[in-house]
């Protein structure tokens, strides 16, 4: 299930208070989409890393109530206290928690209470974890606990990631490289002992490395530390070739500009042009963009138009649109 479908599914299930377990390899954004749902709906969100808890942390600490003349459990302060009517309690790394912690979580998930604590009515439970095949330290989930969830398995999706990356302002050379090498978005290999490997999360780290503008001699080791040496070398080589681009503003103003011959430069150029367009871009600039794209290889001209269409940028009213369609219509899908 791609991230978009996983997010839609979670939204429906959380509304009905159905417990969900979100499975997936490390670094693909499982926790991010849960927090996005809470933020977009304006509800509470609590993220508990169960691998860091002891069994008593969830149940609370017993103490003697002199008024009631009995022992009671003091609920932990990190659980929802009812001050927010609705929310999501996110139990991350559930299957990496010790079996006794999982047993405590089982009661919370099954009965929506543990000890003296009751989960507020408007709160839903979502859990997440890596798969047993992902080379992480995990404990097999007991069947009674597993049976309390609807299980969704999420995977990385290049097109979904590109849309997100363009909105998030990720460096254009990173987006272009992933377009050029879709396999580079997620390069986790359970047979490889390397500590660094490419995931959507580590590509965000690469973006931070580039944004920090480090000294030239540090770029390779820093990028390698995020995505691995082999992929870092490919990316930085791509970035070096792609650095010689025509002026984006000049193209949009209708000035004559050369068309790069290197595929890497074309990927970066088309991504940069597409990212420069928004809902407020003038018809004149859209027309200049389409006129320039007529000189591009077909797959790159189509790349620009498809990106714009996915962002609901209308082109039908642009003078050069019919000319563009006559030339490239057969390549659109």
C-alpha atoms as a PDB file:
ATOM      1  CA  UNK A   1       0.000   0.000   0.000  1.00  0.00           C
ATOM      2  CA  UNK A   2       1.475   3.361  -0.967  1.00  0.00           C
ATOM      3  CA  UNK A   3       1.631   6.192   1.618  1.00  0.00           C
ATOM      4  CA  UNK A   4      -1.388   8.007   0.152  1.00  0.00           C
ATOM      5  CA  UNK A   5      -3.636   4.949   0.365  1.00  0.00           C
ATOM      6  CA  UNK A   6      -2.289   4.093   3.821  1.00  0.00           C
ATOM      7  CA  UNK A   7      -3.123   7.598   5.027  1.00  0.00           C
ATOM      8  CA  UNK A   8      -6.651   7.454   3.577  1.00  0.00           C
ATOM      9  CA  UNK A   9      -7.231   4.038   5.161  1.00  0.00           C
ATOM     10  CA  UNK A  10      -5.986   5.212   8.548  1.00  0.00           C
ATOM     11  CA  UNK A  11      -8.284   8.243   8.436  1.00  0.00           C
ATOM     12  CA  UNK A  12     -11.368   6.040   8.001  1.00  0.00           C
ATOM     13  CA  UNK A  13     -10.330   3.502  10.621  1.00  0.00           C
ATOM     14  CA  UNK A  14      -9.352   6.108  13.213  1.00  0.00           C
ATOM     15  CA  UNK A  15     -12.759   7.742  12.795  1.00  0.00           C
ATOM     16  CA  UNK A  16     -14.363   4.401  13.742  1.00  0.00           C
ATOM     17  CA  UNK A  17     -11.845   3.772  16.583  1.00  0.00           C
ATOM     18  CA  UNK A  18     -10.619   0.544  14.965  1.00  0.00           C
ATOM     19  CA  UNK A  19      -7.067  -0.339  16.126  1.00  0.00           C
ATOM     20  CA  UNK A  20      -4.622  -0.382  13.205  1.00  0.00           C
ATOM     21  CA  UNK A  21      -1.108  -1.783  12.905  1.00  0.00           C
ATOM     22  CA  UNK A  22       0.989  -0.127  10.194  1.00  0.00           C
ATOM     23  CA  UNK A  23       3.821  -2.342   8.953  1.00  0.00           C
ATOM     24  CA  UNK A  24       6.723  -1.291   6.780  1.00  0.00           C
ATOM     25  CA  UNK A  25      10.497  -1.115   6.397  1.00  0.00           C
ATOM     26  CA  UNK A  26      12.487   1.554   8.247  1.00  0.00           C
ATOM     27  CA  UNK A  27      12.541   5.158   7.105  1.00  0.00           C
ATOM     28  CA  UNK A  28       9.502   5.263   4.799  1.00  0.00           C
ATOM     29  CA  UNK A  29       7.407   7.663   6.897  1.00  0.00           C
ATOM     30  CA  UNK A  30       5.022   5.495   8.938  1.00  0.00           C
ATOM     31  CA  UNK A  31       5.003   7.835  11.930  1.00  0.00           C
ATOM     32  CA  UNK A  32       4.864  10.909   9.668  1.00  0.00           C
ATOM     33  CA  UNK A  33       1.553  10.026   8.050  1.00  0.00           C
ATOM     34  CA  UNK A  34      -0.080   9.333  11.436  1.00  0.00           C
ATOM     35  CA  UNK A  35       1.002  12.727  12.789  1.00  0.00           C
ATOM     36  CA  UNK A  36      -0.184  14.357   9.524  1.00  0.00           C
ATOM     37  CA  UNK A  37      -3.674  12.899  10.005  1.00  0.00           C
ATOM     38  CA  UNK A  38      -3.879  14.311  13.536  1.00  0.00           C
ATOM     39  CA  UNK A  39      -2.590  17.707  12.424  1.00  0.00           C
ATOM     40  CA  UNK A  40      -4.952  17.950   9.445  1.00  0.00           C
ATOM     41  CA  UNK A  41      -7.961  16.945  11.564  1.00  0.00           C
ATOM     42  CA  UNK A  42      -6.972  19.278  14.399  1.00  0.00           C
ATOM     43  CA  UNK A  43      -7.007  16.524  17.021  1.00  0.00           C
ATOM     44  CA  UNK A  44      -4.580  15.406  19.718  1.00  0.00           C
ATOM     45  CA  UNK A  45      -1.568  13.213  18.994  1.00  0.00           C
ATOM     46  CA  UNK A  46       0.665  11.309  21.399  1.00  0.00           C
ATOM     47  CA  UNK A  47       3.632   9.290  20.131  1.00  0.00           C
ATOM     48  CA  UNK A  48       4.813   6.529  22.486  1.00  0.00           C
ATOM     49  CA  UNK A  49       7.994   4.615  21.651  1.00  0.00           C
ATOM     50  CA  UNK A  50       7.164   1.345  23.380  1.00  0.00           C
ATOM     51  CA  UNK A  51      10.676  -0.017  22.942  1.00  0.00           C
ATOM     52  CA  UNK A  52      11.804   2.574  25.532  1.00  0.00           C
ATOM     53  CA  UNK A  53       9.207   1.631  28.156  1.00  0.00           C
ATOM     54  CA  UNK A  54       9.124  -0.831  31.026  1.00  0.00           C
ATOM     55  CA  UNK A  55       5.909  -2.775  31.779  1.00  0.00           C
ATOM     56  CA  UNK A  56       5.193  -0.590  34.825  1.00  0.00           C
ATOM     57  CA  UNK A  57       5.481   2.563  32.693  1.00  0.00           C
ATOM     58  CA  UNK A  58       2.183   1.784  30.954  1.00  0.00           C
ATOM     59  CA  UNK A  59       0.308   0.348  33.923  1.00  0.00           C
ATOM     60  CA  UNK A  60       1.491   3.050  36.297  1.00  0.00           C
ATOM     61  CA  UNK A  61       2.811   2.818  39.842  1.00  0.00           C
ATOM     62  CA  UNK A  62       0.714   1.374  42.695  1.00  0.00           C
ATOM     63  CA  UNK A  63       0.177   3.445  45.816  1.00  0.00           C
ATOM     64  CA  UNK A  64      -1.973   3.189  48.938  1.00  0.00           C
ATOM     65  CA  UNK A  65      -5.072   5.368  48.991  1.00  0.00           C
ATOM     66  CA  UNK A  66      -5.704   6.167  52.658  1.00  0.00           C
ATOM     67  CA  UNK A  67      -9.188   7.514  51.953  1.00  0.00           C
ATOM     68  CA  UNK A  68     -10.292   4.364  50.173  1.00  0.00           C
ATOM     69  CA  UNK A  69      -8.077   2.155  52.346  1.00  0.00           C
ATOM     70  CA  UNK A  70      -6.933   0.267  49.248  1.00  0.00           C
ATOM     71  CA  UNK A  71      -4.076   0.063  46.777  1.00  0.00           C
ATOM     72  CA  UNK A  72      -4.636   1.832  43.429  1.00  0.00           C
ATOM     73  CA  UNK A  73      -2.584   2.431  40.321  1.00  0.00           C
ATOM     74  CA  UNK A  74      -1.401   5.956  39.467  1.00  0.00           C
ATOM     75  CA  UNK A  75      -1.874   6.370  35.687  1.00  0.00           C
ATOM     76  CA  UNK A  76       1.194   7.535  33.740  1.00  0.00           C
ATOM     77  CA  UNK A  77       1.155  11.219  32.815  1.00  0.00           C
ATOM     78  CA  UNK A  78       2.052  10.555  29.149  1.00  0.00           C
ATOM     79  CA  UNK A  79      -1.279   8.878  28.304  1.00  0.00           C
ATOM     80  CA  UNK A  80      -4.250  11.007  27.106  1.00  0.00           C
ATOM     81  CA  UNK A  81      -5.901  12.661  30.104  1.00  0.00           C
ATOM     82  CA  UNK A  82      -9.176  13.718  28.481  1.00  0.00           C
ATOM     83  CA  UNK A  83      -8.217  17.383  28.147  1.00  0.00           C
ATOM     84  CA  UNK A  84      -8.491  16.873  24.379  1.00  0.00           C
ATOM     85  CA  UNK A  85     -11.738  15.258  23.299  1.00  0.00           C
ATOM     86  CA  UNK A  86     -10.344  13.486  20.208  1.00  0.00           C
ATOM     87  CA  UNK A  87      -6.919  12.236  19.245  1.00  0.00           C
ATOM     88  CA  UNK A  88      -4.642   9.422  18.134  1.00  0.00           C
ATOM     89  CA  UNK A  89      -2.489   7.404  20.529  1.00  0.00           C
ATOM     90  CA  UNK A  90       0.393   6.164  18.385  1.00  0.00           C
ATOM     91  CA  UNK A  91       2.201   3.106  19.749  1.00  0.00           C
ATOM     92  CA  UNK A  92       5.385   3.095  17.702  1.00  0.00           C
ATOM     93  CA  UNK A  93       7.868   0.206  17.613  1.00  0.00           C
ATOM     94  CA  UNK A  94       5.305  -2.044  19.296  1.00  0.00           C
ATOM     95  CA  UNK A  95       6.903  -5.264  18.083  1.00  0.00           C
ATOM     96  CA  UNK A  96      10.362  -4.170  19.258  1.00  0.00           C
ATOM     97  CA  UNK A  97       9.075  -3.746  22.816  1.00  0.00           C
ATOM     98  CA  UNK A  98       9.785  -6.481  25.351  1.00  0.00           C
ATOM     99  CA  UNK A  99       7.041  -9.147  25.622  1.00  0.00           C
ATOM    100  CA  UNK A 100       5.932  -7.852  29.046  1.00  0.00           C
ATOM    101  CA  UNK A 101       5.473  -4.347  27.592  1.00  0.00           C
ATOM    102  CA  UNK A 102       3.498  -5.835  24.694  1.00  0.00           C
ATOM    103  CA  UNK A 103       1.328  -7.638  27.244  1.00  0.00           C
ATOM    104  CA  UNK A 104       0.585  -4.327  28.969  1.00  0.00           C
ATOM    105  CA  UNK A 105      -0.206  -2.735  25.617  1.00  0.00           C
ATOM    106  CA  UNK A 106      -2.500  -5.680  24.823  1.00  0.00           C
ATOM    107  CA  UNK A 107      -4.841  -4.721  27.673  1.00  0.00           C
ATOM    108  CA  UNK A 108      -4.866  -1.076  26.583  1.00  0.00           C
ATOM    109  CA  UNK A 109      -5.687  -2.063  22.996  1.00  0.00           C
ATOM    110  CA  UNK A 110      -8.201  -4.784  23.910  1.00  0.00           C
ATOM    111  CA  UNK A 111     -10.120  -3.059  26.704  1.00  0.00           C
ATOM    112  CA  UNK A 112      -9.090   0.593  26.083  1.00  0.00           C
ATOM    113  CA  UNK A 113      -7.979   0.639  29.714  1.00  0.00           C
ATOM    114  CA  UNK A 114      -5.082  -0.500  31.846  1.00  0.00           C
ATOM    115  CA  UNK A 115      -5.043  -0.539  35.636  1.00  0.00           C
ATOM    116  CA  UNK A 116      -7.033   2.472  36.826  1.00  0.00           C
ATOM    117  CA  UNK A 117      -6.624   4.236  33.484  1.00  0.00           C
ATOM    118  CA  UNK A 118      -9.320   4.477  30.781  1.00  0.00           C
ATOM    119  CA  UNK A 119      -8.546   5.766  27.290  1.00  0.00           C
ATOM    120  CA  UNK A 120     -10.865   8.732  26.527  1.00  0.00           C
ATOM    121  CA  UNK A 121     -13.785   7.795  24.270  1.00  0.00           C
ATOM    122  CA  UNK A 122     -12.724  10.060  21.389  1.00  0.00           C
ATOM    123  CA  UNK A 123      -9.206   8.639  21.081  1.00  0.00           C
ATOM    124  CA  UNK A 124      -8.131   5.939  18.611  1.00  0.00           C
ATOM    125  CA  UNK A 125      -5.095   3.664  18.700  1.00  0.00           C
ATOM    126  CA  UNK A 126      -2.599   3.200  15.859  1.00  0.00           C
ATOM    127  CA  UNK A 127       0.495   1.019  16.239  1.00  0.00           C
ATOM    128  CA  UNK A 128       3.468   0.616  13.911  1.00  0.00           C
ATOM    129  CA  UNK A 129       6.577  -1.476  13.542  1.00  0.00           C
ATOM    130  CA  UNK A 130       9.145  -2.892  11.186  1.00  0.00           C
ATOM    131  CA  UNK A 131       8.680  -6.310   9.650  1.00  0.00           C
ATOM    132  CA  UNK A 132      10.550  -9.320  11.011  1.00  0.00           C
ATOM    133  CA  UNK A 133      12.375  -9.523   7.667  1.00  0.00           C
ATOM    134  CA  UNK A 134      13.821  -6.001   8.086  1.00  0.00           C
ATOM    135  CA  UNK A 135      16.841  -7.094  10.107  1.00  0.00           C
ATOM    136  CA  UNK A 136      15.726  -5.162  13.172  1.00  0.00           C
ATOM    137  CA  UNK A 137      15.466  -6.445  16.741  1.00  0.00           C
ATOM    138  CA  UNK A 138      11.810  -7.452  16.942  1.00  0.00           C
ATOM    139  CA  UNK A 139       9.766  -9.806  19.092  1.00  0.00           C
ATOM    140  CA  UNK A 140       7.142 -11.958  17.429  1.00  0.00           C
ATOM    141  CA  UNK A 141       3.751 -10.506  18.229  1.00  0.00           C
ATOM    142  CA  UNK A 142       1.453 -12.849  20.109  1.00  0.00           C
ATOM    143  CA  UNK A 143      -1.529 -14.006  18.060  1.00  0.00           C
ATOM    144  CA  UNK A 144      -4.136 -12.608  20.493  1.00  0.00           C
ATOM    145  CA  UNK A 145      -2.486  -9.182  20.261  1.00  0.00           C
ATOM    146  CA  UNK A 146      -2.104  -9.348  16.465  1.00  0.00           C
ATOM    147  CA  UNK A 147      -5.771 -10.269  16.164  1.00  0.00           C
ATOM    148  CA  UNK A 148      -6.779  -6.993  17.803  1.00  0.00           C
ATOM    149  CA  UNK A 149      -5.585  -4.959  14.803  1.00  0.00           C
ATOM    150  CA  UNK A 150      -6.353  -4.354  11.168  1.00  0.00           C
ATOM    151  CA  UNK A 151      -2.927  -4.798   9.558  1.00  0.00           C
ATOM    152  CA  UNK A 152      -1.760  -2.497   6.752  1.00  0.00           C
ATOM    153  CA  UNK A 153       1.604  -2.872   5.015  1.00  0.00           C
ATOM    154  CA  UNK A 154       3.130   0.302   3.582  1.00  0.00           C
ATOM    155  CA  UNK A 155       5.852   0.612   0.954  1.00  0.00           C
ATOM    156  CA  UNK A 156       7.813   3.510  -0.537  1.00  0.00           C
ATOM    157  CA  UNK A 157       6.325   5.016  -3.708  1.00  0.00           C
ATOM    158  CA  UNK A 158       8.434   7.199  -5.999  1.00  0.00           C
ATOM    159  CA  UNK A 159       5.606   9.283  -7.504  1.00  0.00           C
ATOM    160  CA  UNK A 160       4.067   9.922  -4.094  1.00  0.00           C
ATOM    161  CA  UNK A 161       7.472  10.918  -2.739  1.00  0.00           C
ATOM    162  CA  UNK A 162       8.166  13.286  -5.659  1.00  0.00           C
ATOM    163  CA  UNK A 163       4.889  15.144  -5.047  1.00  0.00           C
ATOM    164  CA  UNK A 164       5.696  15.461  -1.363  1.00  0.00           C
ATOM    165  CA  UNK A 165       9.311  16.493  -2.015  1.00  0.00           C
ATOM    166  CA  UNK A 166       8.316  19.268  -4.418  1.00  0.00           C
ATOM    167  CA  UNK A 167       5.861  20.687  -1.878  1.00  0.00           C
ATOM    168  CA  UNK A 168       8.400  20.320   0.944  1.00  0.00           C
ATOM    169  CA  UNK A 169      11.133  22.227  -0.899  1.00  0.00           C
ATOM    170  CA  UNK A 170      13.558  19.316  -1.138  1.00  0.00           C
ATOM    171  CA  UNK A 171      16.633  20.212  -3.203  1.00  0.00           C
ATOM    172  CA  UNK A 172      15.853  19.991  -6.911  1.00  0.00           C
ATOM    173  CA  UNK A 173      18.880  17.783  -7.640  1.00  0.00           C
ATOM    174  CA  UNK A 174      17.641  15.184  -5.133  1.00  0.00           C
ATOM    175  CA  UNK A 175      14.179  15.102  -6.709  1.00  0.00           C
ATOM    176  CA  UNK A 176      15.722  14.901 -10.169  1.00  0.00           C
ATOM    177  CA  UNK A 177      18.088  12.106  -9.167  1.00  0.00           C
ATOM    178  CA  UNK A 178      15.212  10.025  -7.768  1.00  0.00           C
ATOM    179  CA  UNK A 179      13.292  10.639 -11.013  1.00  0.00           C
ATOM    180  CA  UNK A 180      16.354   9.456 -12.928  1.00  0.00           C
ATOM    181  CA  UNK A 181      17.001   6.530 -10.552  1.00  0.00           C
ATOM    182  CA  UNK A 182      13.693   5.441  -8.966  1.00  0.00           C
ATOM    183  CA  UNK A 183      15.454   2.491  -7.331  1.00  0.00           C
ATOM    184  CA  UNK A 184      17.522   4.953  -5.275  1.00  0.00           C
ATOM    185  CA  UNK A 185      14.584   6.168  -3.162  1.00  0.00           C
ATOM    186  CA  UNK A 186      14.600   3.018  -1.063  1.00  0.00           C
ATOM    187  CA  UNK A 187      17.709   0.861  -1.233  1.00  0.00           C
ATOM    188  CA  UNK A 188      17.461  -1.232   1.925  1.00  0.00           C
ATOM    189  CA  UNK A 189      18.971  -4.689   1.495  1.00  0.00           C
ATOM    190  CA  UNK A 190      18.626  -7.181   4.338  1.00  0.00           C
ATOM    191  CA  UNK A 191      21.733  -9.012   3.057  1.00  0.00           C
ATOM    192  CA  UNK A 192      23.918  -5.895   3.225  1.00  0.00           C
ATOM    193  CA  UNK A 193      25.734  -5.090   6.465  1.00  0.00           C
ATOM    194  CA  UNK A 194      26.145  -1.402   5.640  1.00  0.00           C
ATOM    195  CA  UNK A 195      24.941   0.923   8.393  1.00  0.00           C
ATOM    196  CA  UNK A 196      23.898   3.603   5.873  1.00  0.00           C
ATOM    197  CA  UNK A 197      21.245   3.036   3.218  1.00  0.00           C
ATOM    198  CA  UNK A 198      18.786   5.103   1.241  1.00  0.00           C
ATOM    199  CA  UNK A 199      15.243   5.614   2.484  1.00  0.00           C
ATOM    200  CA  UNK A 200      12.890   8.598   2.189  1.00  0.00           C
ATOM    201  CA  UNK A 201      14.070   9.596   5.670  1.00  0.00           C
ATOM    202  CA  UNK A 202      17.787   9.502   4.820  1.00  0.00           C
ATOM    203  CA  UNK A 203      17.198  11.475   1.619  1.00  0.00           C
ATOM    204  CA  UNK A 204      15.784  14.186   3.885  1.00  0.00           C
ATOM    205  CA  UNK A 205      19.105  14.043   5.726  1.00  0.00           C
ATOM    206  CA  UNK A 206      20.921  14.498   2.411  1.00  0.00           C
ATOM    207  CA  UNK A 207      18.767  17.563   1.798  1.00  0.00           C
ATOM    208  CA  UNK A 208      19.871  18.959   5.170  1.00  0.00           C
ATOM    209  CA  UNK A 209      23.511  18.237   4.301  1.00  0.00           C
ATOM    210  CA  UNK A 210      23.203  20.198   1.042  1.00  0.00           C
ATOM    211  CA  UNK A 211      21.324  23.030   2.752  1.00  0.00           C
ATOM    212  CA  UNK A 212      24.095  23.367   5.351  1.00  0.00           C
ATOM    213  CA  UNK A 213      26.562  24.156   2.526  1.00  0.00           C
ATOM    214  CA  UNK A 214      29.503  22.202   3.989  1.00  0.00           C
ATOM    215  CA  UNK A 215      33.087  22.465   2.776  1.00  0.00           C
ATOM    216  CA  UNK A 216      33.711  20.533  -0.436  1.00  0.00           C
ATOM    217  CA  UNK A 217      35.864  17.897   1.264  1.00  0.00           C
ATOM    218  CA  UNK A 218      33.013  17.048   3.679  1.00  0.00           C
ATOM    219  CA  UNK A 219      30.186  16.553   1.179  1.00  0.00           C
ATOM    220  CA  UNK A 220      31.084  12.998   0.145  1.00  0.00           C
ATOM    221  CA  UNK A 221      31.522  11.573   3.678  1.00  0.00           C
ATOM    222  CA  UNK A 222      28.385  13.334   4.926  1.00  0.00           C
ATOM    223  CA  UNK A 223      26.182  12.131   2.064  1.00  0.00           C
ATOM    224  CA  UNK A 224      27.743   8.656   2.307  1.00  0.00           C
ATOM    225  CA  UNK A 225      26.858   8.607   5.988  1.00  0.00           C
ATOM    226  CA  UNK A 226      23.207   9.040   5.057  1.00  0.00           C
ATOM    227  CA  UNK A 227      22.696   6.852   1.983  1.00  0.00           C
ATOM    228  CA  UNK A 228      25.841   4.743   1.613  1.00  0.00           C
ATOM    229  CA  UNK A 229      29.052   5.287  -0.322  1.00  0.00           C
ATOM    230  CA  UNK A 230      28.048   3.786  -3.683  1.00  0.00           C
ATOM    231  CA  UNK A 231      24.792   5.716  -3.984  1.00  0.00           C
ATOM    232  CA  UNK A 232      26.429   8.899  -2.682  1.00  0.00           C
ATOM    233  CA  UNK A 233      29.026   8.724  -5.460  1.00  0.00           C
ATOM    234  CA  UNK A 234      26.281   8.290  -8.082  1.00  0.00           C
ATOM    235  CA  UNK A 235      24.240  11.166  -6.689  1.00  0.00           C
ATOM    236  CA  UNK A 236      27.148  13.599  -6.400  1.00  0.00           C
ATOM    237  CA  UNK A 237      28.295  12.696  -9.924  1.00  0.00           C
ATOM    238  CA  UNK A 238      24.765  13.369 -11.164  1.00  0.00           C
ATOM    239  CA  UNK A 239      24.711  16.649  -9.254  1.00  0.00           C
ATOM    240  CA  UNK A 240      28.016  17.786 -10.762  1.00  0.00           C
ATOM    241  CA  UNK A 241      26.866  17.169 -14.345  1.00  0.00           C
ATOM    242  CA  UNK A 242      23.485  18.746 -13.644  1.00  0.00           C
ATOM    243  CA  UNK A 243      25.055  21.923 -12.320  1.00  0.00           C
ATOM    244  CA  UNK A 244      25.426  23.450 -15.793  1.00  0.00           C
ATOM    245  CA  UNK A 245      21.869  24.524 -16.507  1.00  0.00           C
ATOM    246  CA  UNK A 246      20.362  27.335 -18.562  1.00  0.00           C
ATOM    247  CA  UNK A 247      18.801  30.210 -16.634  1.00  0.00           C
ATOM    248  CA  UNK A 248      15.324  29.162 -15.436  1.00  0.00           C
ATOM    249  CA  UNK A 249      14.056  32.746 -15.217  1.00  0.00           C
ATOM    250  CA  UNK A 250      15.308  33.480 -18.720  1.00  0.00           C
ATOM    251  CA  UNK A 251      13.365  30.512 -20.093  1.00  0.00           C
ATOM    252  CA  UNK A 252      10.166  31.659 -18.392  1.00  0.00           C
ATOM    253  CA  UNK A 253      10.692  35.166 -19.726  1.00  0.00           C
ATOM    254  CA  UNK A 254      10.897  33.779 -23.265  1.00  0.00           C
ATOM    255  CA  UNK A 255      14.590  34.333 -23.859  1.00  0.00           C
ATOM    256  CA  UNK A 256      16.522  31.908 -26.060  1.00  0.00           C
ATOM    257  CA  UNK A 257      18.207  29.176 -24.018  1.00  0.00           C
ATOM    258  CA  UNK A 258      20.169  26.079 -24.973  1.00  0.00           C
ATOM    259  CA  UNK A 259      18.853  22.591 -24.309  1.00  0.00           C
ATOM    260  CA  UNK A 260      21.252  20.392 -22.277  1.00  0.00           C
ATOM    261  CA  UNK A 261      22.373  17.147 -23.848  1.00  0.00           C
ATOM    262  CA  UNK A 262      23.155  15.212 -20.641  1.00  0.00           C
ATOM    263  CA  UNK A 263      20.203  13.187 -19.298  1.00  0.00           C
ATOM    264  CA  UNK A 264      21.051  14.187 -15.721  1.00  0.00           C
ATOM    265  CA  UNK A 265      20.976  17.887 -16.613  1.00  0.00           C
ATOM    266  CA  UNK A 266      17.659  17.430 -18.423  1.00  0.00           C
ATOM    267  CA  UNK A 267      16.137  15.756 -15.353  1.00  0.00           C
ATOM    268  CA  UNK A 268      17.219  18.612 -13.110  1.00  0.00           C
ATOM    269  CA  UNK A 269      16.137  21.271 -15.597  1.00  0.00           C
ATOM    270  CA  UNK A 270      12.647  19.836 -16.084  1.00  0.00           C
ATOM    271  CA  UNK A 271      12.130  19.402 -12.357  1.00  0.00           C
ATOM    272  CA  UNK A 272      13.353  22.947 -11.687  1.00  0.00           C
ATOM    273  CA  UNK A 273      11.037  24.400 -14.353  1.00  0.00           C
ATOM    274  CA  UNK A 274       8.056  22.498 -12.999  1.00  0.00           C
ATOM    275  CA  UNK A 275       8.792  23.559  -9.414  1.00  0.00           C
ATOM    276  CA  UNK A 276       8.967  27.222 -10.472  1.00  0.00           C
ATOM    277  CA  UNK A 277       5.314  27.105 -11.630  1.00  0.00           C
ATOM    278  CA  UNK A 278       2.425  27.685  -9.227  1.00  0.00           C
ATOM    279  CA  UNK A 279      -1.212  28.831  -9.299  1.00  0.00           C
ATOM    280  CA  UNK A 280      -0.113  32.453  -9.669  1.00  0.00           C
ATOM    281  CA  UNK A 281       2.222  31.965 -12.648  1.00  0.00           C
ATOM    282  CA  UNK A 282       1.188  34.195 -15.556  1.00  0.00           C
ATOM    283  CA  UNK A 283      -0.161  32.793 -18.809  1.00  0.00           C
ATOM    284  CA  UNK A 284       2.785  34.417 -20.580  1.00  0.00           C
ATOM    285  CA  UNK A 285       5.308  32.407 -18.550  1.00  0.00           C
ATOM    286  CA  UNK A 286       3.336  29.199 -19.054  1.00  0.00           C
ATOM    287  CA  UNK A 287       3.374  29.864 -22.782  1.00  0.00           C
ATOM    288  CA  UNK A 288       7.137  30.467 -22.745  1.00  0.00           C
ATOM    289  CA  UNK A 289       7.642  27.236 -20.815  1.00  0.00           C
ATOM    290  CA  UNK A 290       5.636  25.204 -23.326  1.00  0.00           C
ATOM    291  CA  UNK A 291       7.471  26.832 -26.251  1.00  0.00           C
ATOM    292  CA  UNK A 292      10.834  25.925 -24.713  1.00  0.00           C
ATOM    293  CA  UNK A 293       9.676  22.363 -24.008  1.00  0.00           C
ATOM    294  CA  UNK A 294       8.987  21.880 -27.717  1.00  0.00           C
ATOM    295  CA  UNK A 295      12.756  21.665 -28.152  1.00  0.00           C
ATOM    296  CA  UNK A 296      13.184  19.009 -25.459  1.00  0.00           C
ATOM    297  CA  UNK A 297      13.270  15.248 -26.013  1.00  0.00           C
ATOM    298  CA  UNK A 298       9.692  13.990 -25.841  1.00  0.00           C
ATOM    299  CA  UNK A 299       9.925  12.183 -22.510  1.00  0.00           C
ATOM    300  CA  UNK A 300      11.213  15.323 -20.782  1.00  0.00           C
ATOM    301  CA  UNK A 301       8.588  17.607 -22.335  1.00  0.00           C
ATOM    302  CA  UNK A 302       5.936  15.170 -21.134  1.00  0.00           C
ATOM    303  CA  UNK A 303       7.549  15.027 -17.668  1.00  0.00           C
ATOM    304  CA  UNK A 304       6.990  18.775 -17.250  1.00  0.00           C
ATOM    305  CA  UNK A 305       3.363  18.689 -18.397  1.00  0.00           C
ATOM    306  CA  UNK A 306       2.503  15.649 -16.277  1.00  0.00           C
ATOM    307  CA  UNK A 307       3.985  17.323 -13.200  1.00  0.00           C
ATOM    308  CA  UNK A 308       1.893  20.427 -13.866  1.00  0.00           C
ATOM    309  CA  UNK A 309      -1.265  18.399 -14.452  1.00  0.00           C
ATOM    310  CA  UNK A 310      -0.793  16.513 -11.168  1.00  0.00           C
ATOM    311  CA  UNK A 311      -0.712  19.893  -9.430  1.00  0.00           C
ATOM    312  CA  UNK A 312      -3.874  21.015 -11.296  1.00  0.00           C
ATOM    313  CA  UNK A 313      -2.084  23.712 -13.299  1.00  0.00           C
ATOM    314  CA  UNK A 314      -4.384  24.457 -16.255  1.00  0.00           C
ATOM    315  CA  UNK A 315      -2.737  24.654 -19.695  1.00  0.00           C
ATOM    316  CA  UNK A 316      -5.717  24.565 -22.062  1.00  0.00           C
ATOM    317  CA  UNK A 317      -5.894  28.369 -22.253  1.00  0.00           C
ATOM    318  CA  UNK A 318      -2.221  28.780 -23.219  1.00  0.00           C
ATOM    319  CA  UNK A 319      -1.617  29.786 -26.851  1.00  0.00           C
ATOM    320  CA  UNK A 320       1.076  27.157 -27.500  1.00  0.00           C
ATOM    321  CA  UNK A 321      -0.892  24.308 -25.927  1.00  0.00           C
ATOM    322  CA  UNK A 322      -2.374  23.025 -29.196  1.00  0.00           C
ATOM    323  CA  UNK A 323       1.060  23.148 -30.830  1.00  0.00           C
ATOM    324  CA  UNK A 324       2.486  21.171 -27.897  1.00  0.00           C
ATOM    325  CA  UNK A 325      -0.337  18.622 -28.109  1.00  0.00           C
ATOM    326  CA  UNK A 326       0.200  18.066 -31.825  1.00  0.00           C
ATOM    327  CA  UNK A 327       3.828  17.235 -31.190  1.00  0.00           C
ATOM    328  CA  UNK A 328       3.651  15.188 -27.963  1.00  0.00           C
ATOM    329  CA  UNK A 329       0.059  14.005 -27.550  1.00  0.00           C
ATOM    330  CA  UNK A 330       0.929  10.400 -28.406  1.00  0.00           C
ATOM    331  CA  UNK A 331       3.440  10.291 -25.513  1.00  0.00           C
ATOM    332  CA  UNK A 332       0.933  11.368 -22.847  1.00  0.00           C
ATOM    333  CA  UNK A 333      -0.661   8.676 -20.724  1.00  0.00           C
END
